Each structure stands twice: as C-alpha cells, then as structure tokens.
C-alpha cells in the first residue's frame, strides 16, 4: 500500500462519538486530514466529514451489528 485513501468511522463509537472522531483526525492532521466540525456533529447517518482541502477522505458509515450477528447465527443454525 502506498498510503491511505480513506478513514472510516463505524460501529458504536465511530458512529456516535464526535469528540473521538475529532481527536483522531486532529492527531492525524500531519497527514493533511481536515474535517468539517459542523458535519462531525452528525449521528447515525452516512456522511463524509473531510473538507475539500483534506488530503484523505474521512467518512462515517453506520452499521447494523445486530443484523449481521442474526444473519451469521441463522447460517450456523440452519
């Protein structure tokens, strides 16, 4: 791999913790990551947080962990 194309925040903390996302992106700012603080307040929906000036795209992508667990369980049982 020749670098990072995107950072994706997902699952409980990734989807819901704006302060954690901000802290991670601030820590990685030396890589050229810049996020929109207003968009970072979004919860539970798919959104691109990175600004046009950001060298790496940053996304929040919601998951449905319970559904995945249920589907995996169904495959094992039946």
C-alpha atoms as a PDB file:
ATOM      1  CA  UNK A   1       0.000   0.000   0.000  1.00  0.00           C
ATOM      2  CA  UNK A   2       1.252   3.423  -0.917  1.00  0.00           C
ATOM      3  CA  UNK A   3      -0.701   5.448   1.648  1.00  0.00           C
ATOM      4  CA  UNK A   4      -4.207   5.971   2.945  1.00  0.00           C
ATOM      5  CA  UNK A   5      -7.168   6.587   0.648  1.00  0.00           C
ATOM      6  CA  UNK A   6      -9.815   6.984   3.351  1.00  0.00           C
ATOM      7  CA  UNK A   7     -10.576   6.700   7.049  1.00  0.00           C
ATOM      8  CA  UNK A   8     -13.941   5.233   8.006  1.00  0.00           C
ATOM      9  CA  UNK A   9     -15.554   5.567  11.423  1.00  0.00           C
ATOM     10  CA  UNK A  10     -18.214   2.957  12.111  1.00  0.00           C
ATOM     11  CA  UNK A  11     -19.967   0.981  14.856  1.00  0.00           C
ATOM     12  CA  UNK A  12     -20.898   2.388  18.246  1.00  0.00           C
ATOM     13  CA  UNK A  13     -18.056   4.783  18.983  1.00  0.00           C
ATOM     14  CA  UNK A  14     -17.254   5.592  15.367  1.00  0.00           C
ATOM     15  CA  UNK A  15     -20.850   6.491  14.577  1.00  0.00           C
ATOM     16  CA  UNK A  16     -21.753   8.335  17.760  1.00  0.00           C
ATOM     17  CA  UNK A  17     -18.682   9.921  19.345  1.00  0.00           C
ATOM     18  CA  UNK A  18     -17.921  13.222  17.646  1.00  0.00           C
ATOM     19  CA  UNK A  19     -15.197  14.015  20.192  1.00  0.00           C
ATOM     20  CA  UNK A  20     -13.383  10.760  19.453  1.00  0.00           C
ATOM     21  CA  UNK A  21     -13.585  11.326  15.697  1.00  0.00           C
ATOM     22  CA  UNK A  22     -12.286  14.882  16.166  1.00  0.00           C
ATOM     23  CA  UNK A  23      -9.419  13.721  18.396  1.00  0.00           C
ATOM     24  CA  UNK A  24      -8.344  11.025  15.935  1.00  0.00           C
ATOM     25  CA  UNK A  25      -8.467  13.402  12.981  1.00  0.00           C
ATOM     26  CA  UNK A  26      -6.632  16.131  14.895  1.00  0.00           C
ATOM     27  CA  UNK A  27      -3.936  13.596  15.831  1.00  0.00           C
ATOM     28  CA  UNK A  28      -3.581  12.668  12.138  1.00  0.00           C
ATOM     29  CA  UNK A  29      -3.635  16.271  10.889  1.00  0.00           C
ATOM     30  CA  UNK A  30       0.032  15.983   9.948  1.00  0.00           C
ATOM     31  CA  UNK A  31      -1.156  13.708   7.124  1.00  0.00           C
ATOM     32  CA  UNK A  32      -3.306  16.515   5.740  1.00  0.00           C
ATOM     33  CA  UNK A  33      -6.608  15.378   7.257  1.00  0.00           C
ATOM     34  CA  UNK A  34      -9.123  18.172   7.757  1.00  0.00           C
ATOM     35  CA  UNK A  35     -12.727  17.636   8.811  1.00  0.00           C
ATOM     36  CA  UNK A  36     -15.781  19.864   8.870  1.00  0.00           C
ATOM     37  CA  UNK A  37     -16.667  20.397  12.545  1.00  0.00           C
ATOM     38  CA  UNK A  38     -20.342  21.001  11.748  1.00  0.00           C
ATOM     39  CA  UNK A  39     -20.656  17.762   9.749  1.00  0.00           C
ATOM     40  CA  UNK A  40     -18.854  15.952  12.560  1.00  0.00           C
ATOM     41  CA  UNK A  41     -21.888  16.536  14.799  1.00  0.00           C
ATOM     42  CA  UNK A  42     -23.935  14.115  12.642  1.00  0.00           C
ATOM     43  CA  UNK A  43     -25.079  10.884  14.282  1.00  0.00           C
ATOM     44  CA  UNK A  44     -26.435   7.675  12.800  1.00  0.00           C
ATOM     45  CA  UNK A  45     -26.169   8.611   9.133  1.00  0.00           C
ATOM     46  CA  UNK A  46     -23.625   8.184   6.371  1.00  0.00           C
ATOM     47  CA  UNK A  47     -21.611  11.355   5.883  1.00  0.00           C
ATOM     48  CA  UNK A  48     -18.270  12.498   4.526  1.00  0.00           C
ATOM     49  CA  UNK A  49     -16.543  14.554   7.211  1.00  0.00           C
ATOM     50  CA  UNK A  50     -13.484  15.622   5.234  1.00  0.00           C
ATOM     51  CA  UNK A  51     -13.229  19.083   3.737  1.00  0.00           C
ATOM     52  CA  UNK A  52     -12.190  19.778   0.152  1.00  0.00           C
ATOM     53  CA  UNK A  53      -8.742  20.723   1.464  1.00  0.00           C
ATOM     54  CA  UNK A  54      -8.251  17.347   3.168  1.00  0.00           C
ATOM     55  CA  UNK A  55      -5.728  15.057   1.519  1.00  0.00           C
ATOM     56  CA  UNK A  56      -7.556  11.973   2.849  1.00  0.00           C
ATOM     57  CA  UNK A  57     -11.300  11.377   2.748  1.00  0.00           C
ATOM     58  CA  UNK A  58     -12.978  10.762   6.117  1.00  0.00           C
ATOM     59  CA  UNK A  59     -16.372   9.069   6.401  1.00  0.00           C
ATOM     60  CA  UNK A  60     -18.891   7.951   8.994  1.00  0.00           C
ATOM     61  CA  UNK A  61     -20.712   4.813   7.845  1.00  0.00           C
ATOM     62  CA  UNK A  62     -23.386   3.348  10.135  1.00  0.00           C
ATOM     63  CA  UNK A  63     -23.571  -0.383  10.735  1.00  0.00           C
ATOM     64  CA  UNK A  64     -26.277  -2.723  11.919  1.00  0.00           C
ATOM     65  CA  UNK A  65     -24.235  -5.084  14.064  1.00  0.00           C
ATOM     66  CA  UNK A  66     -27.274  -6.891  15.438  1.00  0.00           C
ATOM     67  CA  UNK A  67     -28.461  -7.755  11.922  1.00  0.00           C
ATOM     68  CA  UNK A  68     -25.059  -9.167  10.978  1.00  0.00           C
ATOM     69  CA  UNK A  69     -24.976 -11.281  14.146  1.00  0.00           C
ATOM     70  CA  UNK A  70     -28.511 -12.559  13.446  1.00  0.00           C
ATOM     71  CA  UNK A  71     -27.635 -13.466   9.835  1.00  0.00           C
ATOM     72  CA  UNK A  72     -24.464 -15.265  10.906  1.00  0.00           C
ATOM     73  CA  UNK A  73     -26.412 -17.159  13.581  1.00  0.00           C
ATOM     74  CA  UNK A  74     -29.037 -18.209  11.021  1.00  0.00           C
ATOM     75  CA  UNK A  75     -26.320 -19.600   8.772  1.00  0.00           C
ATOM     76  CA  UNK A  76     -24.867 -21.627  11.627  1.00  0.00           C
ATOM     77  CA  UNK A  77     -28.219 -22.951  12.852  1.00  0.00           C
ATOM     78  CA  UNK A  78     -29.802 -23.838   9.525  1.00  0.00           C
END
